Amino acid sequence: WEYAARGGRDMAKYPWGNPYIRNA
């Protein structure tokens, strides 16, 4: 589950990356 959630982004805080919960 954790590996899939990161989507290939090692050490990513969220599935979309780091570090925010809003987009631009």
mmCIF file of all heavy atoms, coordinates in Angstrom:
data_MODEL
# 
_entry.id   MODEL 
# 
loop_
_atom_site.group_PDB 
_atom_site.id 
_atom_site.type_symbol 
_atom_site.label_atom_id 
_atom_site.label_alt_id 
_atom_site.label_comp_id 
_atom_site.label_asym_id 
_atom_site.label_entity_id 
_atom_site.label_seq_id 
_atom_site.pdbx_PDB_ins_code 
_atom_site.Cartn_x 
_atom_site.Cartn_y 
_atom_site.Cartn_z 
_atom_site.occupancy 
_atom_site.B_iso_or_equiv 
_atom_site.pdbx_formal_charge 
_atom_site.auth_seq_id 
_atom_site.auth_comp_id 
_atom_site.auth_asym_id 
_atom_site.auth_atom_id 
_atom_site.pdbx_PDB_model_num 
ATOM 1   N N   . TRP A 1 1  ? 0.836  -1.197 0.000  1.00 0.00 ? 1  TRP A N   1 
ATOM 2   C CA  . TRP A 1 1  ? 0.000  0.000  0.000  1.00 0.00 ? 1  TRP A CA  1 
ATOM 3   C C   . TRP A 1 1  ? 0.875  1.253  0.000  1.00 0.00 ? 1  TRP A C   1 
ATOM 4   O O   . TRP A 1 1  ? 0.646  2.177  -0.776 1.00 0.00 ? 1  TRP A O   1 
ATOM 5   C CB  . TRP A 1 1  ? -0.931 -0.003 1.211  1.00 0.00 ? 1  TRP A CB  1 
ATOM 6   C CG  . TRP A 1 1  ? -1.963 1.077  1.121  1.00 0.00 ? 1  TRP A CG  1 
ATOM 7   C CD1 . TRP A 1 1  ? -3.237 0.956  0.668  1.00 0.00 ? 1  TRP A CD1 1 
ATOM 8   C CD2 . TRP A 1 1  ? -1.768 2.470  1.424  1.00 0.00 ? 1  TRP A CD2 1 
ATOM 9   N NE1 . TRP A 1 1  ? -3.859 2.182  0.675  1.00 0.00 ? 1  TRP A NE1 1 
ATOM 10  C CE2 . TRP A 1 1  ? -2.981 3.132  1.134  1.00 0.00 ? 1  TRP A CE2 1 
ATOM 11  C CE3 . TRP A 1 1  ? -0.703 3.216  1.902  1.00 0.00 ? 1  TRP A CE3 1 
ATOM 12  C CZ2 . TRP A 1 1  ? -3.149 4.492  1.312  1.00 0.00 ? 1  TRP A CZ2 1 
ATOM 13  C CZ3 . TRP A 1 1  ? -0.860 4.594  2.085  1.00 0.00 ? 1  TRP A CZ3 1 
ATOM 14  C CH2 . TRP A 1 1  ? -2.077 5.216  1.791  1.00 0.00 ? 1  TRP A CH2 1 
ATOM 15  N N   . GLU A 1 2  ? 1.885  1.299  0.868  1.00 0.00 ? 2  GLU A N   1 
ATOM 16  C CA  . GLU A 1 2  ? 2.726  2.488  0.960  1.00 0.00 ? 2  GLU A CA  1 
ATOM 17  C C   . GLU A 1 2  ? 3.525  2.705  -0.317 1.00 0.00 ? 2  GLU A C   1 
ATOM 18  O O   . GLU A 1 2  ? 3.662  3.833  -0.798 1.00 0.00 ? 2  GLU A O   1 
ATOM 19  C CB  . GLU A 1 2  ? 3.668  2.365  2.160  1.00 0.00 ? 2  GLU A CB  1 
ATOM 20  C CG  . GLU A 1 2  ? 4.499  3.615  2.400  1.00 0.00 ? 2  GLU A CG  1 
ATOM 21  C CD  . GLU A 1 2  ? 5.297  3.564  3.692  1.00 0.00 ? 2  GLU A CD  1 
ATOM 22  O OE1 . GLU A 1 2  ? 4.792  2.989  4.684  1.00 0.00 ? 2  GLU A OE1 1 
ATOM 23  O OE2 . GLU A 1 2  ? 6.424  4.102  3.711  1.00 0.00 ? 2  GLU A OE2 1 
ATOM 24  N N   . TYR A 1 3  ? 4.040  1.620  -0.877 1.00 0.00 ? 3  TYR A N   1 
ATOM 25  C CA  . TYR A 1 3  ? 4.799  1.709  -2.128 1.00 0.00 ? 3  TYR A CA  1 
ATOM 26  C C   . TYR A 1 3  ? 3.905  2.236  -3.248 1.00 0.00 ? 3  TYR A C   1 
ATOM 27  O O   . TYR A 1 3  ? 4.305  3.126  -4.020 1.00 0.00 ? 3  TYR A O   1 
ATOM 28  C CB  . TYR A 1 3  ? 5.345  0.328  -2.473 1.00 0.00 ? 3  TYR A CB  1 
ATOM 29  C CG  . TYR A 1 3  ? 6.068  0.228  -3.793 1.00 0.00 ? 3  TYR A CG  1 
ATOM 30  C CD1 . TYR A 1 3  ? 7.277  0.887  -4.012 1.00 0.00 ? 3  TYR A CD1 1 
ATOM 31  C CD2 . TYR A 1 3  ? 5.550  -0.558 -4.832 1.00 0.00 ? 3  TYR A CD2 1 
ATOM 32  C CE1 . TYR A 1 3  ? 7.944  0.776  -5.221 1.00 0.00 ? 3  TYR A CE1 1 
ATOM 33  C CE2 . TYR A 1 3  ? 6.214  -0.671 -6.041 1.00 0.00 ? 3  TYR A CE2 1 
ATOM 34  C CZ  . TYR A 1 3  ? 7.411  -0.004 -6.233 1.00 0.00 ? 3  TYR A CZ  1 
ATOM 35  O OH  . TYR A 1 3  ? 8.073  -0.109 -7.434 1.00 0.00 ? 3  TYR A OH  1 
ATOM 36  N N   . ALA A 1 4  ? 2.678  1.706  -3.331 1.00 0.00 ? 4  ALA A N   1 
ATOM 37  C CA  . ALA A 1 4  ? 1.747  2.148  -4.369 1.00 0.00 ? 4  ALA A CA  1 
ATOM 38  C C   . ALA A 1 4  ? 1.333  3.595  -4.155 1.00 0.00 ? 4  ALA A C   1 
ATOM 39  O O   . ALA A 1 4  ? 1.188  4.361  -5.112 1.00 0.00 ? 4  ALA A O   1 
ATOM 40  C CB  . ALA A 1 4  ? 0.520  1.241  -4.387 1.00 0.00 ? 4  ALA A CB  1 
ATOM 41  N N   . ALA A 1 5  ? 1.141  3.984  -2.892 1.00 0.00 ? 5  ALA A N   1 
ATOM 42  C CA  . ALA A 1 5  ? 0.704  5.350  -2.586 1.00 0.00 ? 5  ALA A CA  1 
ATOM 43  C C   . ALA A 1 5  ? 1.736  6.368  -3.053 1.00 0.00 ? 5  ALA A C   1 
ATOM 44  O O   . ALA A 1 5  ? 1.375  7.456  -3.521 1.00 0.00 ? 5  ALA A O   1 
ATOM 45  C CB  . ALA A 1 5  ? 0.448  5.502  -1.093 1.00 0.00 ? 5  ALA A CB  1 
ATOM 46  N N   . ARG A 1 6  ? 2.998  6.057  -2.950 1.00 0.00 ? 6  ARG A N   1 
ATOM 47  C CA  . ARG A 1 6  ? 4.046  7.009  -3.323 1.00 0.00 ? 6  ARG A CA  1 
ATOM 48  C C   . ARG A 1 6  ? 4.213  7.112  -4.842 1.00 0.00 ? 6  ARG A C   1 
ATOM 49  O O   . ARG A 1 6  ? 4.830  8.063  -5.329 1.00 0.00 ? 6  ARG A O   1 
ATOM 50  C CB  . ARG A 1 6  ? 5.360  6.624  -2.660 1.00 0.00 ? 6  ARG A CB  1 
ATOM 51  C CG  . ARG A 1 6  ? 5.258  6.735  -1.147 1.00 0.00 ? 6  ARG A CG  1 
ATOM 52  C CD  . ARG A 1 6  ? 6.571  6.547  -0.438 1.00 0.00 ? 6  ARG A CD  1 
ATOM 53  N NE  . ARG A 1 6  ? 6.385  6.745  0.997  1.00 0.00 ? 6  ARG A NE  1 
ATOM 54  C CZ  . ARG A 1 6  ? 7.346  6.701  1.898  1.00 0.00 ? 6  ARG A CZ  1 
ATOM 55  N NH1 . ARG A 1 6  ? 8.594  6.473  1.510  1.00 0.00 ? 6  ARG A NH1 1 
ATOM 56  N NH2 . ARG A 1 6  ? 7.096  6.884  3.165  1.00 0.00 ? 6  ARG A NH2 1 
ATOM 57  N N   . GLY A 1 7  ? 3.678  6.160  -5.568 1.00 0.00 ? 7  GLY A N   1 
ATOM 58  C CA  . GLY A 1 7  ? 3.672  6.279  -7.026 1.00 0.00 ? 7  GLY A CA  1 
ATOM 59  C C   . GLY A 1 7  ? 5.049  6.394  -7.654 1.00 0.00 ? 7  GLY A C   1 
ATOM 60  O O   . GLY A 1 7  ? 5.211  7.068  -8.666 1.00 0.00 ? 7  GLY A O   1 
ATOM 61  N N   . GLY A 1 8  ? 6.046  5.762  -7.047 1.00 0.00 ? 8  GLY A N   1 
ATOM 62  C CA  . GLY A 1 8  ? 7.394  5.834  -7.599 1.00 0.00 ? 8  GLY A CA  1 
ATOM 63  C C   . GLY A 1 8  ? 8.216  7.001  -7.080 1.00 0.00 ? 8  GLY A C   1 
ATOM 64  O O   . GLY A 1 8  ? 9.380  7.164  -7.454 1.00 0.00 ? 8  GLY A O   1 
ATOM 65  N N   . ARG A 1 9  ? 7.633  7.820  -6.228 1.00 0.00 ? 9  ARG A N   1 
ATOM 66  C CA  . ARG A 1 9  ? 8.350  8.966  -5.635 1.00 0.00 ? 9  ARG A CA  1 
ATOM 67  C C   . ARG A 1 9  ? 8.895  8.542  -4.269 1.00 0.00 ? 9  ARG A C   1 
ATOM 68  O O   . ARG A 1 9  ? 8.195  8.605  -3.263 1.00 0.00 ? 9  ARG A O   1 
ATOM 69  C CB  . ARG A 1 9  ? 7.425  10.170 -5.484 1.00 0.00 ? 9  ARG A CB  1 
ATOM 70  C CG  . ARG A 1 9  ? 6.861  10.701 -6.798 1.00 0.00 ? 9  ARG A CG  1 
ATOM 71  C CD  . ARG A 1 9  ? 5.789  11.745 -6.519 1.00 0.00 ? 9  ARG A CD  1 
ATOM 72  N NE  . ARG A 1 9  ? 5.195  12.247 -7.746 1.00 0.00 ? 9  ARG A NE  1 
ATOM 73  C CZ  . ARG A 1 9  ? 5.399  13.470 -8.244 1.00 0.00 ? 9  ARG A CZ  1 
ATOM 74  N NH1 . ARG A 1 9  ? 6.202  14.311 -7.617 1.00 0.00 ? 9  ARG A NH1 1 
ATOM 75  N NH2 . ARG A 1 9  ? 4.809  13.846 -9.351 1.00 0.00 ? 9  ARG A NH2 1 
ATOM 76  N N   . ASP A 1 10 ? 10.128 8.111  -4.228 1.00 0.00 ? 10 ASP A N   1 
ATOM 77  C CA  . ASP A 1 10 ? 10.713 7.627  -2.988 1.00 0.00 ? 10 ASP A CA  1 
ATOM 78  C C   . ASP A 1 10 ? 10.767 8.746  -1.952 1.00 0.00 ? 10 ASP A C   1 
ATOM 79  O O   . ASP A 1 10 ? 11.157 9.876  -2.254 1.00 0.00 ? 10 ASP A O   1 
ATOM 80  C CB  . ASP A 1 10 ? 12.118 7.081  -3.241 1.00 0.00 ? 10 ASP A CB  1 
ATOM 81  C CG  . ASP A 1 10 ? 12.625 6.233  -2.082 1.00 0.00 ? 10 ASP A CG  1 
ATOM 82  O OD1 . ASP A 1 10 ? 11.782 5.730  -1.311 1.00 0.00 ? 10 ASP A OD1 1 
ATOM 83  O OD2 . ASP A 1 10 ? 13.853 6.066  -1.960 1.00 0.00 ? 10 ASP A OD2 1 
ATOM 84  N N   . MET A 1 11 ? 10.342 8.430  -0.745 1.00 0.00 ? 11 MET A N   1 
ATOM 85  C CA  . MET A 1 11 ? 10.341 9.359  0.387  1.00 0.00 ? 11 MET A CA  1 
ATOM 86  C C   . MET A 1 11 ? 9.333  10.503 0.222  1.00 0.00 ? 11 MET A C   1 
ATOM 87  O O   . MET A 1 11 ? 9.421  11.516 0.918  1.00 0.00 ? 11 MET A O   1 
ATOM 88  C CB  . MET A 1 11 ? 11.740 9.939  0.633  1.00 0.00 ? 11 MET A CB  1 
ATOM 89  C CG  . MET A 1 11 ? 12.781 8.897  1.004  1.00 0.00 ? 11 MET A CG  1 
ATOM 90  S SD  . MET A 1 11 ? 12.363 7.995  2.532  1.00 0.00 ? 11 MET A SD  1 
ATOM 91  C CE  . MET A 1 11 ? 12.446 9.297  3.753  1.00 0.00 ? 11 MET A CE  1 
ATOM 92  N N   . ALA A 1 12 ? 8.389  10.356 -0.693 1.00 0.00 ? 12 ALA A N   1 
ATOM 93  C CA  . ALA A 1 12 ? 7.386  11.403 -0.876 1.00 0.00 ? 12 ALA A CA  1 
ATOM 94  C C   . ALA A 1 12 ? 6.458  11.462 0.329  1.00 0.00 ? 12 ALA A C   1 
ATOM 95  O O   . ALA A 1 12 ? 5.994  10.435 0.837  1.00 0.00 ? 12 ALA A O   1 
ATOM 96  C CB  . ALA A 1 12 ? 6.576  11.147 -2.143 1.00 0.00 ? 12 ALA A CB  1 
ATOM 97  N N   . LYS A 1 13 ? 6.162  12.661 0.769  1.00 0.00 ? 13 LYS A N   1 
ATOM 98  C CA  . LYS A 1 13 ? 5.304  12.848 1.938  1.00 0.00 ? 13 LYS A CA  1 
ATOM 99  C C   . LYS A 1 13 ? 3.852  12.521 1.614  1.00 0.00 ? 13 LYS A C   1 
ATOM 100 O O   . LYS A 1 13 ? 3.127  11.959 2.449  1.00 0.00 ? 13 LYS A O   1 
ATOM 101 C CB  . LYS A 1 13 ? 5.427  14.292 2.427  1.00 0.00 ? 13 LYS A CB  1 
ATOM 102 C CG  . LYS A 1 13 ? 4.636  14.600 3.692  1.00 0.00 ? 13 LYS A CG  1 
ATOM 103 C CD  . LYS A 1 13 ? 4.890  16.042 4.139  1.00 0.00 ? 13 LYS A CD  1 
ATOM 104 C CE  . LYS A 1 13 ? 4.107  16.384 5.395  1.00 0.00 ? 13 LYS A CE  1 
ATOM 105 N NZ  . LYS A 1 13 ? 4.368  17.775 5.850  1.00 0.00 ? 13 LYS A NZ  1 
ATOM 106 N N   . TYR A 1 14 ? 3.421  12.885 0.406  1.00 0.00 ? 14 TYR A N   1 
ATOM 107 C CA  . TYR A 1 14 ? 2.069  12.618 -0.057 1.00 0.00 ? 14 TYR A CA  1 
ATOM 108 C C   . TYR A 1 14 ? 2.139  11.922 -1.416 1.00 0.00 ? 14 TYR A C   1 
ATOM 109 O O   . TYR A 1 14 ? 3.175  11.953 -2.086 1.00 0.00 ? 14 TYR A O   1 
ATOM 110 C CB  . TYR A 1 14 ? 1.280  13.921 -0.196 1.00 0.00 ? 14 TYR A CB  1 
ATOM 111 C CG  . TYR A 1 14 ? 1.140  14.709 1.089  1.00 0.00 ? 14 TYR A CG  1 
ATOM 112 C CD1 . TYR A 1 14 ? 1.803  15.932 1.250  1.00 0.00 ? 14 TYR A CD1 1 
ATOM 113 C CD2 . TYR A 1 14 ? 0.336  14.252 2.126  1.00 0.00 ? 14 TYR A CD2 1 
ATOM 114 C CE1 . TYR A 1 14 ? 1.666  16.665 2.429  1.00 0.00 ? 14 TYR A CE1 1 
ATOM 115 C CE2 . TYR A 1 14 ? 0.204  14.986 3.302  1.00 0.00 ? 14 TYR A CE2 1 
ATOM 116 C CZ  . TYR A 1 14 ? 0.876  16.179 3.449  1.00 0.00 ? 14 TYR A CZ  1 
ATOM 117 O OH  . TYR A 1 14 ? 0.754  16.900 4.607  1.00 0.00 ? 14 TYR A OH  1 
ATOM 118 N N   . PRO A 1 15 ? 1.050  11.314 -1.867 1.00 0.00 ? 15 PRO A N   1 
ATOM 119 C CA  . PRO A 1 15 ? 1.067  10.650 -3.178 1.00 0.00 ? 15 PRO A CA  1 
ATOM 120 C C   . PRO A 1 15 ? 1.406  11.583 -4.336 1.00 0.00 ? 15 PRO A C   1 
ATOM 121 O O   . PRO A 1 15 ? 1.888  11.132 -5.378 1.00 0.00 ? 15 PRO A O   1 
ATOM 122 C CB  . PRO A 1 15 ? -0.368 10.115 -3.313 1.00 0.00 ? 15 PRO A CB  1 
ATOM 123 C CG  . PRO A 1 15 ? -0.820 9.904  -1.907 1.00 0.00 ? 15 PRO A CG  1 
ATOM 124 C CD  . PRO A 1 15 ? -0.206 11.029 -1.125 1.00 0.00 ? 15 PRO A CD  1 
ATOM 125 N N   . TRP A 1 16 ? 1.135  12.870 -4.171 1.00 0.00 ? 16 TRP A N   1 
ATOM 126 C CA  . TRP A 1 16 ? 1.443  13.832 -5.237 1.00 0.00 ? 16 TRP A CA  1 
ATOM 127 C C   . TRP A 1 16 ? 2.824  14.453 -5.067 1.00 0.00 ? 16 TRP A C   1 
ATOM 128 O O   . TRP A 1 16 ? 3.239  15.255 -5.888 1.00 0.00 ? 16 TRP A O   1 
ATOM 129 C CB  . TRP A 1 16 ? 0.381  14.928 -5.276 1.00 0.00 ? 16 TRP A CB  1 
ATOM 130 C CG  . TRP A 1 16 ? 0.132  15.555 -3.934 1.00 0.00 ? 16 TRP A CG  1 
ATOM 131 C CD1 . TRP A 1 16 ? 0.817  16.578 -3.348 1.00 0.00 ? 16 TRP A CD1 1 
ATOM 132 C CD2 . TRP A 1 16 ? -0.880 15.181 -2.988 1.00 0.00 ? 16 TRP A CD2 1 
ATOM 133 N NE1 . TRP A 1 16 ? 0.311  16.867 -2.105 1.00 0.00 ? 16 TRP A NE1 1 
ATOM 134 C CE2 . TRP A 1 16 ? -0.740 16.017 -1.853 1.00 0.00 ? 16 TRP A CE2 1 
ATOM 135 C CE3 . TRP A 1 16 ? -1.890 14.207 -2.983 1.00 0.00 ? 16 TRP A CE3 1 
ATOM 136 C CZ2 . TRP A 1 16 ? -1.582 15.915 -0.742 1.00 0.00 ? 16 TRP A CZ2 1 
ATOM 137 C CZ3 . TRP A 1 16 ? -2.714 14.113 -1.877 1.00 0.00 ? 16 TRP A CZ3 1 
ATOM 138 C CH2 . TRP A 1 16 ? -2.560 14.960 -0.777 1.00 0.00 ? 16 TRP A CH2 1 
ATOM 139 N N   . GLY A 1 17 ? 3.530  14.121 -3.990 1.00 0.00 ? 17 GLY A N   1 
ATOM 140 C CA  . GLY A 1 17 ? 4.875  14.664 -3.787 1.00 0.00 ? 17 GLY A CA  1 
ATOM 141 C C   . GLY A 1 17 ? 4.977  15.444 -2.484 1.00 0.00 ? 17 GLY A C   1 
ATOM 142 O O   . GLY A 1 17 ? 4.306  15.138 -1.496 1.00 0.00 ? 17 GLY A O   1 
ATOM 143 N N   . ASN A 1 18 ? 5.801  16.447 -2.483 1.00 0.00 ? 18 ASN A N   1 
ATOM 144 C CA  . ASN A 1 18 ? 6.058  17.267 -1.284 1.00 0.00 ? 18 ASN A CA  1 
ATOM 145 C C   . ASN A 1 18 ? 5.834  18.741 -1.607 1.00 0.00 ? 18 ASN A C   1 
ATOM 146 O O   . ASN A 1 18 ? 5.966  19.145 -2.755 1.00 0.00 ? 18 ASN A O   1 
ATOM 147 C CB  . ASN A 1 18 ? 7.508  17.085 -0.821 1.00 0.00 ? 18 ASN A CB  1 
ATOM 148 C CG  . ASN A 1 18 ? 7.790  15.678 -0.351 1.00 0.00 ? 18 ASN A CG  1 
ATOM 149 O OD1 . ASN A 1 18 ? 6.979  15.043 0.312  1.00 0.00 ? 18 ASN A OD1 1 
ATOM 150 N ND2 . ASN A 1 18 ? 8.955  15.169 -0.710 1.00 0.00 ? 18 ASN A ND2 1 
ATOM 151 N N   . PRO A 1 19 ? 5.673  19.577 -0.598 1.00 0.00 ? 19 PRO A N   1 
ATOM 152 C CA  . PRO A 1 19 ? 5.293  19.254 0.780  1.00 0.00 ? 19 PRO A CA  1 
ATOM 153 C C   . PRO A 1 19 ? 3.888  19.745 1.103  1.00 0.00 ? 19 PRO A C   1 
ATOM 154 O O   . PRO A 1 19 ? 3.472  19.708 2.249  1.00 0.00 ? 19 PRO A O   1 
ATOM 155 C CB  . PRO A 1 19 ? 6.326  20.042 1.597  1.00 0.00 ? 19 PRO A CB  1 
ATOM 156 C CG  . PRO A 1 19 ? 6.490  21.319 0.808  1.00 0.00 ? 19 PRO A CG  1 
ATOM 157 C CD  . PRO A 1 19 ? 6.258  20.958 -0.647 1.00 0.00 ? 19 PRO A CD  1 
ATOM 158 N N   . TYR A 1 20 ? 3.142  20.219 0.041  1.00 0.00 ? 20 TYR A N   1 
ATOM 159 C CA  . TYR A 1 20 ? 1.900  20.949 0.300  1.00 0.00 ? 20 TYR A CA  1 
ATOM 160 C C   . TYR A 1 20 ? 0.665  20.092 0.041  1.00 0.00 ? 20 TYR A C   1 
ATOM 161 O O   . TYR A 1 20 ? 0.717  19.057 -0.647 1.00 0.00 ? 20 TYR A O   1 
ATOM 162 C CB  . TYR A 1 20 ? 1.836  22.207 -0.568 1.00 0.00 ? 20 TYR A CB  1 
ATOM 163 C CG  . TYR A 1 20 ? 3.033  23.123 -0.381 1.00 0.00 ? 20 TYR A CG  1 
ATOM 164 C CD1 . TYR A 1 20 ? 3.980  23.293 -1.390 1.00 0.00 ? 20 TYR A CD1 1 
ATOM 165 C CD2 . TYR A 1 20 ? 3.227  23.791 0.827  1.00 0.00 ? 20 TYR A CD2 1 
ATOM 166 C CE1 . TYR A 1 20 ? 5.077  24.117 -1.214 1.00 0.00 ? 20 TYR A CE1 1 
ATOM 167 C CE2 . TYR A 1 20 ? 4.316  24.621 1.018  1.00 0.00 ? 20 TYR A CE2 1 
ATOM 168 C CZ  . TYR A 1 20 ? 5.253  24.777 -0.002 1.00 0.00 ? 20 TYR A CZ  1 
ATOM 169 O OH  . TYR A 1 20 ? 6.349  25.589 0.186  1.00 0.00 ? 20 TYR A OH  1 
ATOM 170 N N   . ILE A 1 21 ? -0.476 20.553 0.580  1.00 0.00 ? 21 ILE A N   1 
ATOM 171 C CA  . ILE A 1 21 ? -1.740 19.860 0.372  1.00 0.00 ? 21 ILE A CA  1 
ATOM 172 C C   . ILE A 1 21 ? -2.660 20.633 -0.577 1.00 0.00 ? 21 ILE A C   1 
ATOM 173 O O   . ILE A 1 21 ? -3.795 20.242 -0.801 1.00 0.00 ? 21 ILE A O   1 
ATOM 174 C CB  . ILE A 1 21 ? -2.462 19.619 1.708  1.00 0.00 ? 21 ILE A CB  1 
ATOM 175 C CG1 . ILE A 1 21 ? -2.634 20.934 2.459  1.00 0.00 ? 21 ILE A CG1 1 
ATOM 176 C CG2 . ILE A 1 21 ? -1.715 18.595 2.540  1.00 0.00 ? 21 ILE A CG2 1 
ATOM 177 C CD1 . ILE A 1 21 ? -3.408 20.803 3.755  1.00 0.00 ? 21 ILE A CD1 1 
ATOM 178 N N   . ARG A 1 22 ? -2.144 21.736 -1.135 1.00 0.00 ? 22 ARG A N   1 
ATOM 179 C CA  . ARG A 1 22 ? -2.855 22.502 -2.169 1.00 0.00 ? 22 ARG A CA  1 
ATOM 180 C C   . ARG A 1 22 ? -1.965 22.617 -3.398 1.00 0.00 ? 22 ARG A C   1 
ATOM 181 O O   . ARG A 1 22 ? -0.737 22.581 -3.287 1.00 0.00 ? 22 ARG A O   1 
ATOM 182 C CB  . ARG A 1 22 ? -3.201 23.909 -1.670 1.00 0.00 ? 22 ARG A CB  1 
ATOM 183 C CG  . ARG A 1 22 ? -4.153 23.975 -0.496 1.00 0.00 ? 22 ARG A CG  1 
ATOM 184 C CD  . ARG A 1 22 ? -4.365 25.419 -0.053 1.00 0.00 ? 22 ARG A CD  1 
ATOM 185 N NE  . ARG A 1 22 ? -5.198 25.537 1.127  1.00 0.00 ? 22 ARG A NE  1 
ATOM 186 C CZ  . ARG A 1 22 ? -6.516 25.730 1.097  1.00 0.00 ? 22 ARG A CZ  1 
ATOM 187 N NH1 . ARG A 1 22 ? -7.133 25.853 -0.068 1.00 0.00 ? 22 ARG A NH1 1 
ATOM 188 N NH2 . ARG A 1 22 ? -7.198 25.826 2.220  1.00 0.00 ? 22 ARG A NH2 1 
ATOM 189 N N   . ASN A 1 23 ? -2.585 22.751 -4.554 1.00 0.00 ? 23 ASN A N   1 
ATOM 190 C CA  . ASN A 1 23 ? -1.792 22.964 -5.762 1.00 0.00 ? 23 ASN A CA  1 
ATOM 191 C C   . ASN A 1 23 ? -1.516 24.465 -5.947 1.00 0.00 ? 23 ASN A C   1 
ATOM 192 O O   . ASN A 1 23 ? -1.860 25.290 -5.098 1.00 0.00 ? 23 ASN A O   1 
ATOM 193 C CB  . ASN A 1 23 ? -2.478 22.360 -6.990 1.00 0.00 ? 23 ASN A CB  1 
ATOM 194 C CG  . ASN A 1 23 ? -3.827 23.006 -7.292 1.00 0.00 ? 23 ASN A CG  1 
ATOM 195 O OD1 . ASN A 1 23 ? -4.154 24.094 -6.802 1.00 0.00 ? 23 ASN A OD1 1 
ATOM 196 N ND2 . ASN A 1 23 ? -4.620 22.345 -8.127 1.00 0.00 ? 23 ASN A ND2 1 
ATOM 197 N N   . ALA A 1 24 ? -0.903 24.826 -7.072 1.00 0.00 ? 24 ALA A N   1 
ATOM 198 C CA  . ALA A 1 24 ? -0.510 26.219 -7.297 1.00 0.00 ? 24 ALA A CA  1 
ATOM 199 C C   . ALA A 1 24 ? -1.706 27.161 -7.378 1.00 0.00 ? 24 ALA A C   1 
ATOM 200 O O   . ALA A 1 24 ? -1.567 28.370 -7.151 1.00 0.00 ? 24 ALA A O   1 
ATOM 201 C CB  . ALA A 1 24 ? 0.309  26.311 -8.587 1.00 0.00 ? 24 ALA A CB  1 
# 
